[in-house]
């Protein structure tokens, strides 16, 4: 009989995360109409920018919703991830105005600086590079979005500066 063993530290982390998810749900009073906010908070605190299946199941149970409803929300809205991502998700706008102003060149700049391709995550799990739909900043396109911050009029130098600033912030937080 073969089975993997969970270490004590892993078990404690599972319990800590479970309690954290329950606290988020309770913060919103277990209100079904707060599903988006609950899932956003869970994703933000995951450390990997995603909502794991087990946490989606807890949300469904605690809000008395079918799991399919939670999955529908997680897969419909582009802001949610159901697979682990980097700490910083870099979203390059692929709308027509950004495409015309050379969004593909911006993707290439980020790929070069990060050493990854679109859709990949850096080995240190710090950055994930993705496309996104319009972020409403067509006047400064092509644009990249990291979290709530939008960066426009991008050049190779600006891209390198942006990546360096996030790496520095991350190294200070360790």
C-alpha atoms as a PDB file:
ATOM      1  CA  UNK A   1       0.000   0.000   0.000  1.00  0.00           C
ATOM      2  CA  UNK A   2       1.547   3.266  -1.098  1.00  0.00           C
ATOM      3  CA  UNK A   3       0.403   6.682  -0.137  1.00  0.00           C
ATOM      4  CA  UNK A   4       1.942  10.097   0.182  1.00  0.00           C
ATOM      5  CA  UNK A   5       2.411  11.449   3.642  1.00  0.00           C
ATOM      6  CA  UNK A   6       1.529  14.975   4.628  1.00  0.00           C
ATOM      7  CA  UNK A   7       4.096  16.548   6.898  1.00  0.00           C
ATOM      8  CA  UNK A   8       3.083  18.363  10.035  1.00  0.00           C
ATOM      9  CA  UNK A   9       4.026  21.699   8.442  1.00  0.00           C
ATOM     10  CA  UNK A  10       1.905  20.923   5.380  1.00  0.00           C
ATOM     11  CA  UNK A  11      -1.054  19.973   7.564  1.00  0.00           C
ATOM     12  CA  UNK A  12      -0.707  23.172   9.577  1.00  0.00           C
ATOM     13  CA  UNK A  13      -0.592  25.192   6.354  1.00  0.00           C
ATOM     14  CA  UNK A  14      -3.780  23.499   5.104  1.00  0.00           C
ATOM     15  CA  UNK A  15      -5.524  24.305   8.386  1.00  0.00           C
ATOM     16  CA  UNK A  16      -4.258  27.910   8.311  1.00  0.00           C
ATOM     17  CA  UNK A  17      -5.486  28.375   4.755  1.00  0.00           C
ATOM     18  CA  UNK A  18      -8.856  26.768   5.567  1.00  0.00           C
ATOM     19  CA  UNK A  19      -9.331  29.156   8.481  1.00  0.00           C
ATOM     20  CA  UNK A  20      -8.294  32.071   6.273  1.00  0.00           C
ATOM     21  CA  UNK A  21     -10.889  31.129   3.626  1.00  0.00           C
ATOM     22  CA  UNK A  22     -13.604  30.786   6.280  1.00  0.00           C
ATOM     23  CA  UNK A  23     -12.665  34.185   7.719  1.00  0.00           C
ATOM     24  CA  UNK A  24     -13.027  35.767   4.262  1.00  0.00           C
ATOM     25  CA  UNK A  25     -16.432  34.159   3.772  1.00  0.00           C
ATOM     26  CA  UNK A  26     -17.563  35.268   7.240  1.00  0.00           C
ATOM     27  CA  UNK A  27     -16.275  38.801   6.624  1.00  0.00           C
ATOM     28  CA  UNK A  28     -18.951  39.088   3.939  1.00  0.00           C
ATOM     29  CA  UNK A  29     -21.630  37.561   6.160  1.00  0.00           C
ATOM     30  CA  UNK A  30     -21.864  34.445   3.994  1.00  0.00           C
ATOM     31  CA  UNK A  31     -23.863  36.577   1.552  1.00  0.00           C
ATOM     32  CA  UNK A  32     -24.355  34.923  -1.838  1.00  0.00           C
ATOM     33  CA  UNK A  33     -24.388  38.330  -3.541  1.00  0.00           C
ATOM     34  CA  UNK A  34     -20.818  38.821  -2.305  1.00  0.00           C
ATOM     35  CA  UNK A  35     -19.521  35.806  -4.248  1.00  0.00           C
ATOM     36  CA  UNK A  36     -17.259  37.904  -6.507  1.00  0.00           C
ATOM     37  CA  UNK A  37     -15.727  39.772  -3.574  1.00  0.00           C
ATOM     38  CA  UNK A  38     -15.197  36.562  -1.632  1.00  0.00           C
ATOM     39  CA  UNK A  39     -13.470  34.872  -4.567  1.00  0.00           C
ATOM     40  CA  UNK A  40     -11.322  37.941  -5.277  1.00  0.00           C
ATOM     41  CA  UNK A  41     -10.162  38.034  -1.643  1.00  0.00           C
ATOM     42  CA  UNK A  42      -9.415  34.311  -1.652  1.00  0.00           C
ATOM     43  CA  UNK A  43      -7.412  34.692  -4.855  1.00  0.00           C
ATOM     44  CA  UNK A  44      -5.532  37.729  -3.514  1.00  0.00           C
ATOM     45  CA  UNK A  45      -4.519  35.909  -0.332  1.00  0.00           C
ATOM     46  CA  UNK A  46      -3.618  32.619  -2.043  1.00  0.00           C
ATOM     47  CA  UNK A  47      -0.023  33.628  -2.688  1.00  0.00           C
ATOM     48  CA  UNK A  48      -0.333  32.225  -6.193  1.00  0.00           C
ATOM     49  CA  UNK A  49      -3.079  34.411  -7.686  1.00  0.00           C
ATOM     50  CA  UNK A  50      -5.685  31.688  -8.076  1.00  0.00           C
ATOM     51  CA  UNK A  51      -8.674  30.027  -6.431  1.00  0.00           C
ATOM     52  CA  UNK A  52      -7.926  26.370  -5.772  1.00  0.00           C
ATOM     53  CA  UNK A  53     -10.632  23.763  -6.308  1.00  0.00           C
ATOM     54  CA  UNK A  54     -10.818  22.896  -2.612  1.00  0.00           C
ATOM     55  CA  UNK A  55     -11.414  26.544  -1.670  1.00  0.00           C
ATOM     56  CA  UNK A  56     -14.102  26.899  -4.368  1.00  0.00           C
ATOM     57  CA  UNK A  57     -15.831  23.867  -2.836  1.00  0.00           C
ATOM     58  CA  UNK A  58     -15.715  25.467   0.619  1.00  0.00           C
ATOM     59  CA  UNK A  59     -17.215  28.680  -0.785  1.00  0.00           C
ATOM     60  CA  UNK A  60     -20.010  26.700  -2.443  1.00  0.00           C
ATOM     61  CA  UNK A  61     -20.757  24.799   0.756  1.00  0.00           C
ATOM     62  CA  UNK A  62     -20.628  27.836   3.056  1.00  0.00           C
ATOM     63  CA  UNK A  63     -22.787  29.997   0.752  1.00  0.00           C
ATOM     64  CA  UNK A  64     -25.158  27.105   0.018  1.00  0.00           C
ATOM     65  CA  UNK A  65     -24.497  27.370  -3.716  1.00  0.00           C
ATOM     66  CA  UNK A  66     -24.012  24.626  -6.280  1.00  0.00           C
ATOM     67  CA  UNK A  67     -20.322  24.185  -7.053  1.00  0.00           C
ATOM     68  CA  UNK A  68     -21.228  24.715 -10.717  1.00  0.00           C
ATOM     69  CA  UNK A  69     -22.297  28.279  -9.886  1.00  0.00           C
ATOM     70  CA  UNK A  70     -18.891  29.003  -8.307  1.00  0.00           C
ATOM     71  CA  UNK A  71     -17.128  27.398 -11.294  1.00  0.00           C
ATOM     72  CA  UNK A  72     -19.242  29.464 -13.688  1.00  0.00           C
ATOM     73  CA  UNK A  73     -18.062  32.654 -11.994  1.00  0.00           C
ATOM     74  CA  UNK A  74     -14.430  31.535 -11.826  1.00  0.00           C
ATOM     75  CA  UNK A  75     -14.332  30.615 -15.512  1.00  0.00           C
ATOM     76  CA  UNK A  76     -16.473  33.468 -16.882  1.00  0.00           C
ATOM     77  CA  UNK A  77     -14.600  36.445 -15.447  1.00  0.00           C
ATOM     78  CA  UNK A  78     -11.091  37.059 -16.789  1.00  0.00           C
ATOM     79  CA  UNK A  79      -9.948  38.390 -13.410  1.00  0.00           C
ATOM     80  CA  UNK A  80     -10.065  34.908 -11.883  1.00  0.00           C
ATOM     81  CA  UNK A  81      -7.491  32.149 -12.235  1.00  0.00           C
ATOM     82  CA  UNK A  82      -8.096  28.492 -11.480  1.00  0.00           C
ATOM     83  CA  UNK A  83      -4.437  27.534 -11.920  1.00  0.00           C
ATOM     84  CA  UNK A  84      -1.503  28.946  -9.928  1.00  0.00           C
ATOM     85  CA  UNK A  85       0.031  32.115 -11.366  1.00  0.00           C
ATOM     86  CA  UNK A  86       2.969  34.281 -10.414  1.00  0.00           C
ATOM     87  CA  UNK A  87       2.767  36.770  -7.589  1.00  0.00           C
ATOM     88  CA  UNK A  88       2.477  39.498 -10.225  1.00  0.00           C
ATOM     89  CA  UNK A  89       0.321  38.796 -13.257  1.00  0.00           C
ATOM     90  CA  UNK A  90       1.360  41.034 -16.146  1.00  0.00           C
ATOM     91  CA  UNK A  91      -1.556  41.459 -18.515  1.00  0.00           C
ATOM     92  CA  UNK A  92      -0.850  42.877 -21.958  1.00  0.00           C
ATOM     93  CA  UNK A  93      -3.882  44.446 -23.609  1.00  0.00           C
ATOM     94  CA  UNK A  94      -4.791  42.747 -26.876  1.00  0.00           C
ATOM     95  CA  UNK A  95      -7.628  45.068 -27.934  1.00  0.00           C
ATOM     96  CA  UNK A  96      -7.575  46.583 -31.414  1.00  0.00           C
ATOM     97  CA  UNK A  97      -6.193  50.007 -30.378  1.00  0.00           C
ATOM     98  CA  UNK A  98      -3.322  48.390 -28.452  1.00  0.00           C
ATOM     99  CA  UNK A  99      -2.718  45.903 -31.249  1.00  0.00           C
ATOM    100  CA  UNK A 100      -2.422  48.762 -33.743  1.00  0.00           C
ATOM    101  CA  UNK A 101       0.053  50.535 -31.440  1.00  0.00           C
ATOM    102  CA  UNK A 102       2.263  47.439 -31.327  1.00  0.00           C
ATOM    103  CA  UNK A 103       1.115  45.360 -28.343  1.00  0.00           C
ATOM    104  CA  UNK A 104       3.014  42.413 -29.875  1.00  0.00           C
ATOM    105  CA  UNK A 105       6.249  44.379 -29.470  1.00  0.00           C
ATOM    106  CA  UNK A 106       5.392  44.973 -25.806  1.00  0.00           C
ATOM    107  CA  UNK A 107       4.827  41.243 -25.324  1.00  0.00           C
ATOM    108  CA  UNK A 108       8.253  40.596 -26.875  1.00  0.00           C
ATOM    109  CA  UNK A 109       9.854  43.174 -24.550  1.00  0.00           C
ATOM    110  CA  UNK A 110       8.383  41.518 -21.447  1.00  0.00           C
ATOM    111  CA  UNK A 111       9.316  38.054 -22.753  1.00  0.00           C
ATOM    112  CA  UNK A 112      12.912  39.177 -23.181  1.00  0.00           C
ATOM    113  CA  UNK A 113      13.196  40.833 -19.763  1.00  0.00           C
ATOM    114  CA  UNK A 114      11.445  37.990 -17.928  1.00  0.00           C
ATOM    115  CA  UNK A 115      12.919  35.085 -19.916  1.00  0.00           C
ATOM    116  CA  UNK A 116       9.491  33.502 -20.448  1.00  0.00           C
ATOM    117  CA  UNK A 117       6.871  33.324 -23.186  1.00  0.00           C
ATOM    118  CA  UNK A 118       3.289  34.574 -23.093  1.00  0.00           C
ATOM    119  CA  UNK A 119       1.215  32.295 -20.852  1.00  0.00           C
ATOM    120  CA  UNK A 120       4.206  31.207 -18.753  1.00  0.00           C
ATOM    121  CA  UNK A 121       5.350  31.929 -15.210  1.00  0.00           C
ATOM    122  CA  UNK A 122       8.917  32.740 -14.223  1.00  0.00           C
ATOM    123  CA  UNK A 123      10.760  29.942 -12.387  1.00  0.00           C
ATOM    124  CA  UNK A 124      10.796  32.045  -9.198  1.00  0.00           C
ATOM    125  CA  UNK A 125       6.956  32.236  -9.398  1.00  0.00           C
ATOM    126  CA  UNK A 126       7.143  36.021  -9.330  1.00  0.00           C
ATOM    127  CA  UNK A 127       5.665  36.893 -12.754  1.00  0.00           C
ATOM    128  CA  UNK A 128       3.089  35.433 -15.132  1.00  0.00           C
ATOM    129  CA  UNK A 129       2.728  37.005 -18.577  1.00  0.00           C
ATOM    130  CA  UNK A 130      -0.737  36.970 -20.159  1.00  0.00           C
ATOM    131  CA  UNK A 131      -2.980  38.718 -22.655  1.00  0.00           C
ATOM    132  CA  UNK A 132      -6.101  40.528 -21.471  1.00  0.00           C
ATOM    133  CA  UNK A 133      -8.984  42.350 -23.068  1.00  0.00           C
ATOM    134  CA  UNK A 134      -9.307  46.126 -23.091  1.00  0.00           C
ATOM    135  CA  UNK A 135      -8.406  47.829 -19.810  1.00  0.00           C
ATOM    136  CA  UNK A 136      -9.821  51.191 -20.893  1.00  0.00           C
ATOM    137  CA  UNK A 137      -6.523  52.997 -21.396  1.00  0.00           C
ATOM    138  CA  UNK A 138      -6.504  53.216 -25.189  1.00  0.00           C
ATOM    139  CA  UNK A 139      -5.071  56.742 -25.101  1.00  0.00           C
ATOM    140  CA  UNK A 140      -1.761  55.469 -23.684  1.00  0.00           C
ATOM    141  CA  UNK A 141      -1.561  52.172 -25.584  1.00  0.00           C
ATOM    142  CA  UNK A 142      -0.044  49.757 -25.839  1.00  0.00           C
ATOM    143  CA  UNK A 143      -0.581  49.033 -22.168  1.00  0.00           C
ATOM    144  CA  UNK A 144       0.280  46.454 -19.554  1.00  0.00           C
ATOM    145  CA  UNK A 145      -1.606  45.963 -16.309  1.00  0.00           C
ATOM    146  CA  UNK A 146      -0.152  44.533 -13.105  1.00  0.00           C
ATOM    147  CA  UNK A 147      -2.752  44.241 -10.377  1.00  0.00           C
ATOM    148  CA  UNK A 148      -4.650  47.538 -10.410  1.00  0.00           C
ATOM    149  CA  UNK A 149      -1.757  49.491 -11.936  1.00  0.00           C
ATOM    150  CA  UNK A 150      -1.854  50.306 -15.662  1.00  0.00           C
ATOM    151  CA  UNK A 151       1.358  51.177 -17.522  1.00  0.00           C
ATOM    152  CA  UNK A 152       1.197  52.872 -20.920  1.00  0.00           C
ATOM    153  CA  UNK A 153       3.364  54.259 -23.709  1.00  0.00           C
ATOM    154  CA  UNK A 154       5.699  51.340 -23.096  1.00  0.00           C
ATOM    155  CA  UNK A 155       9.250  51.144 -24.367  1.00  0.00           C
ATOM    156  CA  UNK A 156      11.938  48.526 -23.745  1.00  0.00           C
ATOM    157  CA  UNK A 157      13.484  50.778 -21.078  1.00  0.00           C
ATOM    158  CA  UNK A 158      10.128  51.262 -19.299  1.00  0.00           C
ATOM    159  CA  UNK A 159       9.430  47.528 -19.372  1.00  0.00           C
ATOM    160  CA  UNK A 160      12.829  46.755 -17.819  1.00  0.00           C
ATOM    161  CA  UNK A 161      12.246  49.458 -15.182  1.00  0.00           C
ATOM    162  CA  UNK A 162       8.793  48.086 -14.304  1.00  0.00           C
ATOM    163  CA  UNK A 163      10.069  44.517 -13.892  1.00  0.00           C
ATOM    164  CA  UNK A 164      13.047  45.704 -11.820  1.00  0.00           C
ATOM    165  CA  UNK A 165      10.786  47.725  -9.503  1.00  0.00           C
ATOM    166  CA  UNK A 166       8.539  44.710  -8.815  1.00  0.00           C
ATOM    167  CA  UNK A 167      11.558  42.469  -8.227  1.00  0.00           C
ATOM    168  CA  UNK A 168      12.952  45.026  -5.733  1.00  0.00           C
ATOM    169  CA  UNK A 169       9.641  45.284  -3.877  1.00  0.00           C
ATOM    170  CA  UNK A 170       9.448  41.523  -3.705  1.00  0.00           C
ATOM    171  CA  UNK A 171      12.997  41.128  -2.406  1.00  0.00           C
ATOM    172  CA  UNK A 172      12.310  43.721   0.307  1.00  0.00           C
ATOM    173  CA  UNK A 173       9.269  41.738   1.476  1.00  0.00           C
ATOM    174  CA  UNK A 174      11.288  38.582   2.148  1.00  0.00           C
END
